[in-house]
Amino acid sequence: MKDYESYDALGLAELLRKGETSAEELLDDALSRVESRNPQLNAVNFVWADHARAAIRAGLPEGPFRGVPFLLKDLHAQVAGMRLTFGSRLFANFVSESDSEITLRYRRAGLVIFGRTTSPEFGLTATTESTLWGATRNPWNLERTSGGSSGGASAAVAAGILPAAHASDGGGSIRIPASCCGLFGMKPTRARVPSGPHQGEGWGGMSTAHAVTRSVRDSAALLDAACGPDPGDPYHAPAPERPYLEEVTRAPGVLRIGVQTETYNGAPTHPECRDAALSAAKLCESLGHRVEPLRIAVDAAALGRATQVLIAANVQATADDTAAALGRELGTDLVETITFFMVQAGRAATAADYARAVRTIHAAGRAVERQLQDYDVVLSPTMAAPPVAIGELALSNAPSAEYISRLQAATGFTQLANVTGQPAMSVPLAWSSAGLPLGVQFAAKFGDEATLFRLAGQLEQARPWRDRRPTLTAR
């Protein structure tokens, strides 16, 4: 289809409903772009063309995205009979026995799943690079990271391979790649989207799934398709008042917006990232919102220790159990250097350490909610620094102080929403002097994606970004 890239996912589905295209043609459009663009990006690591064509022949459900091509991240979302590697040599030959609930819901929405996008090992860092799959590159500058851990998804969408893709977020892994690649990325409220049946809670409830998109309405409609409780969920999210798609076109009213330009973990904020947030604050003010400075008080050291224990313990359990099942001794021949460092940290943690970590993050959630009672939204940079060069955040690095400082700059604004469970979105409202996208983050109260979608719809109209497209050449 000649103008495939000018439509968002809902737009493509509408063309199909009108008979102006077909699911087969849309799939061919996506596949041709994988073939021509992926060699430069390394964003798509599995292509299941036969699987997708079989789904089309069998008949697609009459969902809102009927016939639209879609990619799943190579992390957690399982597809029966298909490989899932978690970006790790340890899982290089793993084949799923059944579908994840989110996969089933995407299928019921009519999406045509045709492959996977890259992830760093276990989603552990803010870049998408692995020994197993190599480095995924940013379409805006091939020498820079596309972010992580959903960097494959973001690179594929930004490059026009498809209009939306599945993603997940345990410390910023939807919002960081969205910021790096000039996309819209919403991290939903904890438990908004099911993680079962293969997983109960990700990283003590810090991780959740959704998507990266070019348009706000695609994100809303995809969340409508995927959200809702699943039997056995360990947490509960308040039910939405109405479909999120309807919220996108509703006026947000006058919001009280607090602006935070200092990171929660003490990492310095790059001047261009601060300027992006302040420019967005002025835009919000011009739209009639009440905007004022804000500083959320958190115990950064305690949260840092707690999140490290939670993540390390989960990584250690997964890696050690899998290596034992394979009859292998776990080492850096099977996992990345920093992953193995985290495995060792997990082995050193005690049961009491884990209990204290859970207690700490839950207490932080309660404390932050109390501080936000008088605010509707918190505005900040998404990242404290522009996208870094390929290699700087790879898990193959040694676990040095320099590495930690770079990672803290990537996650200094994003990780708090994972700790608290709040919804938060990255909106592509600025670009750096070097031509790289700079996202602005907006976080709302627990369960209040509705306010974020209303505000995002307003911002999309006031400062549209859909027609800003990258070239695929390094500069």
Protein backbone atom coordinates (compact mmCIF):
# COMPACT_ATOMS: atom_id res chain seq x y z
CA MET A 1 0.00 0.00 0.00
CA LYS A 2 1.56 3.25 -1.15
CA ASP A 3 0.79 5.39 1.92
CA TYR A 4 1.02 2.65 4.58
CA GLU A 5 3.24 4.74 6.84
CA SER A 6 0.90 7.73 6.92
CA TYR A 7 -1.70 5.79 8.94
CA ASP A 8 -1.74 4.78 12.56
CA ALA A 9 -2.98 1.31 13.54
CA LEU A 10 -6.61 2.37 13.92
CA GLY A 11 -6.36 4.12 10.56
CA LEU A 12 -5.12 0.95 8.87
CA ALA A 13 -7.93 -1.05 10.46
CA GLU A 14 -10.45 1.49 9.16
CA LEU A 15 -9.07 1.16 5.62
CA LEU A 16 -9.48 -2.60 5.86
CA ARG A 17 -13.08 -2.26 7.10
CA LYS A 18 -13.82 -0.04 4.09
CA GLY A 19 -12.34 -2.62 1.74
CA GLU A 20 -9.52 -0.31 0.65
CA THR A 21 -6.82 -2.79 1.69
CA SER A 22 -6.53 -6.31 3.06
CA ALA A 23 -4.81 -8.00 5.97
CA GLU A 24 -2.53 -9.76 3.49
CA GLU A 25 -1.50 -6.47 1.91
CA LEU A 26 -0.82 -4.85 5.29
CA LEU A 27 1.28 -7.82 6.35
CA ASP A 28 3.26 -7.62 3.11
CA ASP A 29 3.82 -3.90 3.74
CA ALA A 30 5.25 -4.63 7.17
CA LEU A 31 7.36 -7.56 5.98
CA SER A 32 8.84 -5.56 3.11
CA ARG A 33 9.93 -2.87 5.56
CA VAL A 34 11.48 -5.45 7.87
CA GLU A 35 13.46 -6.72 4.89
CA SER A 36 14.62 -3.28 3.74
CA ARG A 37 15.13 -1.46 7.06
CA ASN A 38 15.87 -4.02 9.73
CA PRO A 39 19.43 -4.74 8.51
CA GLN A 40 20.37 -1.20 9.57
CA LEU A 41 18.37 -1.25 12.81
CA ASN A 42 18.48 -4.82 14.13
CA ALA A 43 15.08 -4.21 15.76
CA VAL A 44 13.22 -7.38 14.69
CA ASN A 45 14.76 -10.70 15.70
CA PHE A 46 11.97 -13.13 14.75
CA VAL A 47 9.74 -13.03 11.66
CA TRP A 48 6.82 -15.47 11.63
CA ALA A 49 5.36 -14.77 8.21
CA ASP A 50 3.84 -18.25 7.79
CA HIS A 51 2.29 -18.09 11.26
CA ALA A 52 0.74 -14.70 10.44
CA ARG A 53 -0.58 -15.80 7.04
CA ALA A 54 -2.16 -18.86 8.64
CA ALA A 55 -3.93 -16.63 11.17
CA ILE A 56 -5.30 -14.46 8.37
CA ARG A 57 -6.51 -17.49 6.39
CA ALA A 58 -8.22 -18.90 9.49
CA GLY A 59 -10.23 -15.69 9.85
CA LEU A 60 -9.51 -12.74 12.10
CA PRO A 61 -11.79 -11.58 14.93
CA GLU A 62 -13.84 -8.44 14.33
CA GLY A 63 -11.79 -6.39 16.78
CA PRO A 64 -10.73 -2.73 16.60
CA PHE A 65 -7.36 -3.65 15.05
CA ARG A 66 -8.55 -6.36 12.68
CA GLY A 67 -5.82 -7.05 10.11
CA VAL A 68 -3.16 -4.73 11.54
CA PRO A 69 0.37 -6.24 11.72
CA PHE A 70 1.90 -6.37 15.19
CA LEU A 71 5.14 -7.42 16.89
CA LEU A 72 5.69 -8.77 20.40
CA LYS A 73 8.73 -7.91 22.47
CA ASP A 74 11.15 -10.80 23.05
CA LEU A 75 10.37 -10.75 26.76
CA HIS A 76 7.56 -12.53 28.66
CA ALA A 77 4.72 -12.38 26.08
CA GLN A 78 4.47 -16.02 25.01
CA VAL A 79 3.15 -17.54 21.78
CA ALA A 80 2.50 -21.27 21.68
CA GLY A 81 5.05 -23.11 19.55
CA MET A 82 7.27 -20.05 19.06
CA ARG A 83 10.67 -19.12 20.45
CA LEU A 84 11.12 -16.64 23.29
CA THR A 85 14.70 -15.84 24.29
CA PHE A 86 14.43 -12.97 26.81
CA GLY A 87 17.48 -11.60 24.97
CA SER A 88 19.59 -14.30 26.65
CA ARG A 89 21.82 -17.13 25.50
CA LEU A 90 20.40 -19.04 28.46
CA PHE A 91 17.00 -19.11 26.72
CA ALA A 92 18.28 -19.34 23.15
CA ASN A 93 16.33 -22.54 22.44
CA PHE A 94 13.24 -21.96 24.60
CA VAL A 95 9.89 -22.61 22.87
CA SER A 96 6.61 -21.61 24.52
CA GLU A 97 3.97 -24.25 25.16
CA SER A 98 1.02 -21.85 25.43
CA ASP A 99 -0.03 -18.25 24.85
CA SER A 100 0.17 -15.51 27.45
CA GLU A 101 -3.12 -13.83 28.33
CA ILE A 102 -1.96 -10.59 26.73
CA THR A 103 -1.24 -12.48 23.49
CA LEU A 104 -4.78 -13.86 23.51
CA ARG A 105 -6.23 -10.39 24.07
CA TYR A 106 -4.19 -8.91 21.24
CA ARG A 107 -5.46 -11.66 18.95
CA ARG A 108 -9.06 -11.02 19.99
CA ALA A 109 -8.51 -7.37 19.03
CA GLY A 110 -7.71 -8.58 15.49
CA LEU A 111 -3.98 -7.92 15.51
CA VAL A 112 -1.82 -10.06 13.23
CA ILE A 113 1.24 -11.10 15.23
CA PHE A 114 4.13 -11.72 12.83
CA GLY A 115 7.28 -11.76 14.96
CA ARG A 116 9.28 -10.35 17.83
CA THR A 117 11.38 -7.27 18.59
CA THR A 118 14.69 -7.27 20.41
CA SER A 119 15.24 -6.86 24.14
CA PRO A 120 18.39 -6.77 26.27
CA GLU A 121 18.84 -9.77 28.53
CA PHE A 122 15.83 -10.01 30.90
CA GLY A 123 15.03 -6.35 30.16
CA LEU A 124 17.76 -5.28 32.57
CA THR A 125 19.04 -2.06 31.06
CA ALA A 126 18.11 1.14 29.24
CA THR A 127 19.60 0.08 25.92
CA THR A 128 18.75 -2.84 23.65
CA GLU A 129 21.99 -4.73 23.12
CA SER A 130 22.83 -8.36 23.79
CA THR A 131 25.47 -10.93 23.00
CA LEU A 132 22.76 -13.13 21.51
CA TRP A 133 21.23 -10.59 19.13
CA GLY A 134 23.65 -7.66 18.90
CA ALA A 135 22.86 -3.95 19.16
CA THR A 136 19.58 -2.34 18.15
CA ARG A 137 20.11 1.12 16.69
CA ASN A 138 18.15 4.35 16.82
CA PRO A 139 16.54 5.33 13.49
CA TRP A 140 17.28 8.99 14.28
CA ASN A 141 21.01 8.27 14.57
CA LEU A 142 22.37 4.79 14.01
CA GLU A 143 25.29 5.40 16.36
CA ARG A 144 22.91 5.98 19.29
CA THR A 145 20.80 3.63 21.37
CA SER A 146 17.09 3.24 20.71
CA GLY A 147 16.66 2.91 24.47
CA GLY A 148 15.68 -0.11 26.47
CA SER A 149 14.47 -2.42 27.23
CA SER A 150 11.77 -2.05 24.55
CA GLY A 151 14.28 -0.60 22.11
CA GLY A 152 13.47 -3.07 19.35
CA ALA A 153 9.80 -2.13 19.49
CA SER A 154 10.54 1.59 19.47
CA ALA A 155 13.07 1.38 16.65
CA ALA A 156 10.64 -0.64 14.52
CA VAL A 157 7.77 1.80 15.05
CA ALA A 158 9.92 4.91 14.60
CA ALA A 159 11.32 3.47 11.36
CA GLY A 160 7.81 2.96 9.96
CA ILE A 161 7.88 -0.84 9.94
CA LEU A 162 4.57 -0.80 11.82
CA PRO A 163 2.53 1.85 13.67
CA ALA A 164 2.51 0.23 17.13
CA ALA A 165 4.27 -2.60 18.94
CA HIS A 166 4.08 -4.45 22.25
CA ALA A 167 6.46 -3.25 24.97
CA SER A 168 7.02 -3.64 28.71
CA ASP A 169 8.30 -1.45 31.51
CA GLY A 170 9.99 -2.38 34.80
CA GLY A 171 12.02 0.79 35.35
CA GLY A 172 11.24 2.94 32.33
CA SER A 173 11.42 0.36 29.53
CA ILE A 174 8.42 1.72 27.62
CA ARG A 175 9.02 5.40 28.32
CA ILE A 176 12.81 5.47 27.79
CA PRO A 177 12.72 3.95 24.26
CA ALA A 178 9.71 6.11 23.40
CA SER A 179 11.75 9.14 24.42
CA CYS A 180 14.81 8.00 22.46
CA CYS A 181 12.80 7.32 19.29
CA GLY A 182 10.22 10.13 19.26
CA LEU A 183 7.17 8.02 20.13
CA PHE A 184 4.31 8.01 22.60
CA GLY A 185 4.80 5.52 25.42
CA MET A 186 2.36 4.86 28.26
CA LYS A 187 3.27 2.74 31.28
CA PRO A 188 -0.08 1.68 32.74
CA THR A 189 -1.04 1.41 36.38
CA ARG A 190 0.20 -1.69 38.19
CA ALA A 191 -2.13 -4.64 37.37
CA ARG A 192 -3.91 -2.76 34.57
CA VAL A 193 -2.60 -5.35 32.09
CA PRO A 194 -2.38 -9.06 32.99
CA SER A 195 0.99 -10.79 33.22
CA GLY A 196 -0.29 -14.35 33.50
CA PRO A 197 -0.52 -17.20 33.31
CA HIS A 198 3.25 -17.72 33.07
CA GLN A 199 4.15 -14.87 35.43
CA GLY A 200 2.43 -13.55 38.55
CA GLU A 201 4.17 -10.28 39.26
CA GLY A 202 7.18 -8.85 37.49
CA TRP A 203 9.96 -7.65 39.79
CA GLY A 204 7.75 -7.36 42.86
CA GLY A 205 4.99 -5.60 40.93
CA MET A 206 7.30 -3.01 39.36
CA SER A 207 7.02 -4.38 35.81
CA THR A 208 4.02 -4.15 33.51
CA ALA A 209 3.27 -4.32 29.79
CA HIS A 210 1.64 -2.20 27.11
CA ALA A 211 2.93 -0.68 23.86
CA VAL A 212 4.81 2.06 22.05
CA THR A 213 2.86 3.94 19.38
CA ARG A 214 3.04 6.84 17.01
CA SER A 215 -0.42 8.16 17.96
CA VAL A 216 -2.07 8.66 21.34
CA ARG A 217 -5.32 7.05 20.22
CA ASP A 218 -3.55 3.81 19.23
CA SER A 219 -2.11 3.57 22.73
CA ALA A 220 -5.53 4.14 24.27
CA ALA A 221 -7.27 1.59 22.06
CA LEU A 222 -4.54 -1.00 22.63
CA LEU A 223 -4.90 -0.53 26.38
CA ASP A 224 -8.67 -0.96 26.03
CA ALA A 225 -7.99 -4.24 24.24
CA ALA A 226 -5.47 -5.55 26.77
CA CYS A 227 -6.62 -4.22 30.14
CA GLY A 228 -8.73 -5.95 32.74
CA PRO A 229 -8.24 -8.49 35.51
CA ASP A 230 -7.15 -12.06 34.95
CA PRO A 231 -7.79 -14.93 37.39
CA GLY A 232 -5.03 -15.12 39.98
CA ASP A 233 -3.71 -11.59 39.52
CA PRO A 234 -1.77 -10.60 42.67
CA TYR A 235 -2.77 -6.92 42.40
CA HIS A 236 -5.88 -4.96 41.41
CA ALA A 237 -6.23 -1.76 39.38
CA PRO A 238 -9.38 0.39 39.63
CA ALA A 239 -11.71 -0.16 36.67
CA PRO A 240 -11.74 2.68 34.11
CA GLU A 241 -14.85 4.85 33.99
CA ARG A 242 -15.08 4.59 30.20
CA PRO A 243 -12.93 3.27 27.31
CA TYR A 244 -9.57 4.99 27.16
CA LEU A 245 -10.08 5.72 23.47
CA GLU A 246 -12.94 8.03 24.46
CA GLU A 247 -10.69 9.86 26.91
CA VAL A 248 -8.30 10.98 24.16
CA THR A 249 -10.86 13.41 22.72
CA ARG A 250 -12.29 14.58 26.06
CA ALA A 251 -11.18 17.94 27.46
CA PRO A 252 -8.86 17.44 30.44
CA GLY A 253 -10.19 20.49 32.26
CA VAL A 254 -7.82 22.69 34.22
CA LEU A 255 -5.13 20.44 35.69
CA ARG A 256 -2.78 21.25 38.52
CA ILE A 257 0.62 20.16 37.22
CA GLY A 258 3.75 19.94 39.35
CA VAL A 259 7.06 20.29 37.49
CA GLN A 260 10.05 18.30 38.74
CA THR A 261 13.35 18.81 36.92
CA GLU A 262 15.67 17.15 39.45
CA THR A 263 15.98 13.36 39.31
CA TYR A 264 14.76 11.16 42.12
CA ASN A 265 18.09 9.31 42.36
CA GLY A 266 20.45 12.29 42.35
CA ALA A 267 21.71 11.97 38.76
CA PRO A 268 22.33 15.38 37.15
CA THR A 269 19.81 16.55 34.56
CA HIS A 270 21.22 17.48 31.15
CA PRO A 271 20.33 21.10 30.26
CA GLU A 272 18.53 20.08 27.05
CA CYS A 273 16.39 17.56 28.95
CA ARG A 274 15.54 20.18 31.56
CA ASP A 275 14.70 22.67 28.81
CA ALA A 276 12.42 20.11 27.16
CA ALA A 277 10.45 19.75 30.38
CA LEU A 278 10.26 23.50 30.97
CA SER A 279 9.09 24.06 27.39
CA ALA A 280 6.37 21.46 27.92
CA ALA A 281 5.40 23.19 31.17
CA LYS A 282 4.97 26.47 29.28
CA LEU A 283 2.88 24.67 26.68
CA CYS A 284 0.65 23.26 29.42
CA GLU A 285 0.34 26.73 30.94
CA SER A 286 -0.69 28.14 27.55
CA LEU A 287 -3.40 25.46 27.40
CA GLY A 288 -4.88 26.77 30.64
CA HIS A 289 -3.38 24.41 33.20
CA ARG A 290 -2.02 25.50 36.58
CA VAL A 291 1.71 24.79 36.54
CA GLU A 292 4.11 25.13 39.49
CA PRO A 293 7.45 23.73 40.68
CA LEU A 294 7.34 20.51 42.69
CA ARG A 295 9.85 18.36 44.51
CA ILE A 296 8.63 14.90 45.53
CA ALA A 297 10.50 13.73 48.61
CA VAL A 298 11.78 10.15 48.44
CA ASP A 299 14.54 8.23 50.20
CA ALA A 300 16.62 7.62 47.08
CA ALA A 301 19.19 5.44 48.84
CA ALA A 302 16.55 3.18 50.38
CA LEU A 303 14.67 2.86 47.10
CA GLY A 304 17.91 2.11 45.25
CA ARG A 305 18.72 -0.71 47.65
CA ALA A 306 15.17 -2.06 47.53
CA THR A 307 14.89 -2.12 43.75
CA GLN A 308 18.32 -3.73 43.42
CA VAL A 309 17.34 -6.52 45.82
CA LEU A 310 14.00 -7.12 44.09
CA ILE A 311 15.46 -7.22 40.60
CA ALA A 312 18.57 -9.19 41.57
CA ALA A 313 16.56 -11.82 43.44
CA ASN A 314 14.19 -12.29 40.51
CA VAL A 315 17.05 -12.49 38.00
CA GLN A 316 18.95 -14.94 40.20
CA ALA A 317 15.94 -17.23 40.62
CA THR A 318 15.23 -17.27 36.88
CA ALA A 319 18.84 -17.75 35.81
CA ASP A 320 19.82 -20.35 38.41
CA ASP A 321 16.64 -22.39 37.94
CA THR A 322 16.98 -22.39 34.16
CA ALA A 323 20.67 -23.30 34.22
CA ALA A 324 19.92 -26.16 36.62
CA ALA A 325 17.15 -27.43 34.35
CA LEU A 326 19.61 -27.40 31.45
CA GLY A 327 22.27 -29.17 33.52
CA ARG A 328 24.65 -26.24 33.04
CA GLU A 329 26.74 -24.22 35.46
CA LEU A 330 25.74 -20.58 35.25
CA GLY A 331 28.48 -18.22 34.12
CA THR A 332 29.24 -15.46 31.65
CA ASP A 333 29.16 -17.98 28.82
CA LEU A 334 25.38 -18.13 29.35
CA VAL A 335 24.51 -14.66 30.68
CA GLU A 336 25.91 -11.15 30.32
CA THR A 337 28.58 -9.80 32.68
CA ILE A 338 26.26 -7.44 34.53
CA THR A 339 23.49 -10.05 34.60
CA PHE A 340 25.88 -12.46 36.32
CA PHE A 341 26.82 -9.70 38.76
CA MET A 342 23.12 -9.35 39.60
CA VAL A 343 22.77 -13.12 39.98
CA GLN A 344 25.56 -13.01 42.55
CA ALA A 345 23.84 -10.11 44.32
CA GLY A 346 20.64 -12.13 44.40
CA ARG A 347 22.43 -15.10 45.90
CA ALA A 348 23.85 -12.85 48.63
CA ALA A 349 20.45 -11.37 49.56
CA THR A 350 18.47 -12.93 52.40
CA ALA A 351 14.76 -13.61 52.70
CA ALA A 352 14.57 -10.72 55.16
CA ASP A 353 16.30 -8.46 52.62
CA TYR A 354 13.59 -9.31 50.10
CA ALA A 355 10.79 -8.71 52.61
CA ARG A 356 12.28 -5.34 53.55
CA ALA A 357 12.60 -4.41 49.86
CA VAL A 358 8.92 -5.13 49.20
CA ARG A 359 8.00 -3.20 52.34
CA THR A 360 10.11 -0.25 51.17
CA ILE A 361 8.60 0.07 47.71
CA HIS A 362 5.05 -0.31 48.99
CA ALA A 363 5.70 2.36 51.63
CA ALA A 364 7.10 4.64 48.92
CA GLY A 365 3.92 4.19 46.90
CA ARG A 366 1.80 5.29 49.84
CA ALA A 367 4.08 8.23 50.63
CA VAL A 368 4.16 9.52 47.05
CA GLU A 369 0.37 9.27 46.69
CA ARG A 370 -0.03 11.38 49.83
CA GLN A 371 2.31 14.03 48.40
CA LEU A 372 0.32 14.13 45.16
CA GLN A 373 -3.11 14.65 46.69
CA ASP A 374 -3.16 18.30 45.57
CA TYR A 375 -1.80 17.57 42.07
CA ASP A 376 -3.30 15.93 39.01
CA VAL A 377 -0.05 15.36 37.11
CA VAL A 378 3.71 15.49 37.67
CA LEU A 379 5.72 16.72 34.66
CA SER A 380 9.44 15.98 34.26
CA PRO A 381 11.98 15.03 31.62
CA THR A 382 11.60 11.38 30.68
CA MET A 383 15.37 10.91 30.79
CA ALA A 384 18.08 12.94 32.48
CA ALA A 385 20.32 12.71 29.40
CA PRO A 386 19.86 12.34 25.62
CA PRO A 387 20.27 8.88 24.05
CA VAL A 388 23.78 7.54 24.66
CA ALA A 389 26.11 5.92 22.16
CA ILE A 390 25.83 2.23 21.35
CA GLY A 391 27.84 0.22 23.88
CA GLU A 392 27.69 2.60 26.83
CA LEU A 393 24.84 0.79 28.61
CA ALA A 394 25.35 -2.74 27.26
CA LEU A 395 25.15 -5.52 29.85
CA SER A 396 28.49 -6.82 28.59
CA ASN A 397 30.18 -3.90 30.37
CA ALA A 398 31.85 -4.33 33.74
CA PRO A 399 29.65 -3.21 36.67
CA SER A 400 31.55 0.05 37.27
CA ALA A 401 30.62 3.33 38.94
CA GLU A 402 30.65 4.95 35.50
CA TYR A 403 28.13 2.41 34.19
CA ILE A 404 25.85 2.94 37.18
CA SER A 405 25.92 6.74 36.72
CA ARG A 406 24.90 6.37 33.06
CA LEU A 407 22.08 4.01 33.99
CA GLN A 408 20.90 6.37 36.72
CA ALA A 409 20.73 9.19 34.18
CA ALA A 410 18.49 7.03 32.00
CA THR A 411 16.15 5.95 34.81
CA GLY A 412 16.37 8.91 37.22
CA PHE A 413 12.87 10.11 36.38
CA THR A 414 11.18 6.91 35.26
CA GLN A 415 11.75 4.29 37.93
CA LEU A 416 9.69 5.94 40.66
CA ALA A 417 6.44 5.22 38.80
CA ASN A 418 7.39 1.53 38.69
CA VAL A 419 7.97 1.57 42.43
CA THR A 420 4.65 3.29 43.16
CA GLY A 421 2.62 1.60 40.43
CA GLN A 422 1.41 4.95 39.05
CA PRO A 423 0.67 5.39 35.35
CA ALA A 424 3.20 7.52 33.50
CA MET A 425 3.70 8.46 29.86
CA SER A 426 6.50 9.80 27.70
CA VAL A 427 5.32 12.33 25.12
CA PRO A 428 7.61 13.35 22.20
CA LEU A 429 7.50 17.12 22.64
CA ALA A 430 11.15 18.13 22.07
CA TRP A 431 14.28 17.41 20.05
CA SER A 432 17.90 18.02 21.00
CA SER A 433 20.32 20.31 19.18
CA ALA A 434 21.74 17.14 17.60
CA GLY A 435 18.32 16.20 16.22
CA LEU A 436 17.54 13.45 18.74
CA PRO A 437 14.07 13.11 20.29
CA LEU A 438 13.63 14.15 23.92
CA GLY A 439 10.53 12.87 25.65
CA VAL A 440 8.67 14.62 28.44
CA GLN A 441 7.17 12.46 31.17
CA PHE A 442 3.77 12.97 32.78
CA ALA A 443 2.72 10.84 35.77
CA ALA A 444 -0.72 10.70 37.40
CA LYS A 445 -2.25 9.16 40.49
CA PHE A 446 -2.62 5.38 40.80
CA GLY A 447 -5.34 4.20 38.42
CA ASP A 448 -5.70 7.51 36.58
CA GLU A 449 -4.62 6.79 33.01
CA ALA A 450 -7.75 8.69 31.97
CA THR A 451 -6.28 12.07 32.93
CA LEU A 452 -3.06 11.23 31.11
CA PHE A 453 -4.85 10.23 27.90
CA ARG A 454 -6.95 13.41 27.97
CA LEU A 455 -3.84 15.54 28.45
CA ALA A 456 -1.91 13.56 25.81
CA GLY A 457 -4.70 14.10 23.29
CA GLN A 458 -4.57 17.82 23.98
CA LEU A 459 -0.78 17.95 23.67
CA GLU A 460 -0.85 15.95 20.43
CA GLN A 461 -3.15 18.58 18.92
CA ALA A 462 -1.16 21.51 20.29
CA ARG A 463 2.30 20.25 19.31
CA PRO A 464 1.86 17.40 16.80
CA TRP A 465 4.71 14.98 16.23
CA ARG A 466 3.37 12.29 13.88
CA ASP A 467 4.89 13.82 10.76
CA ARG A 468 8.39 14.08 12.24
CA ARG A 469 10.19 11.08 10.78
CA PRO A 470 13.79 9.93 11.11
CA THR A 471 16.16 9.11 8.32
CA LEU A 472 17.89 5.76 8.58
CA THR A 473 21.43 7.07 8.09
CA ALA A 474 23.93 7.80 10.85
CA ARG A 475 24.75 11.45 11.29
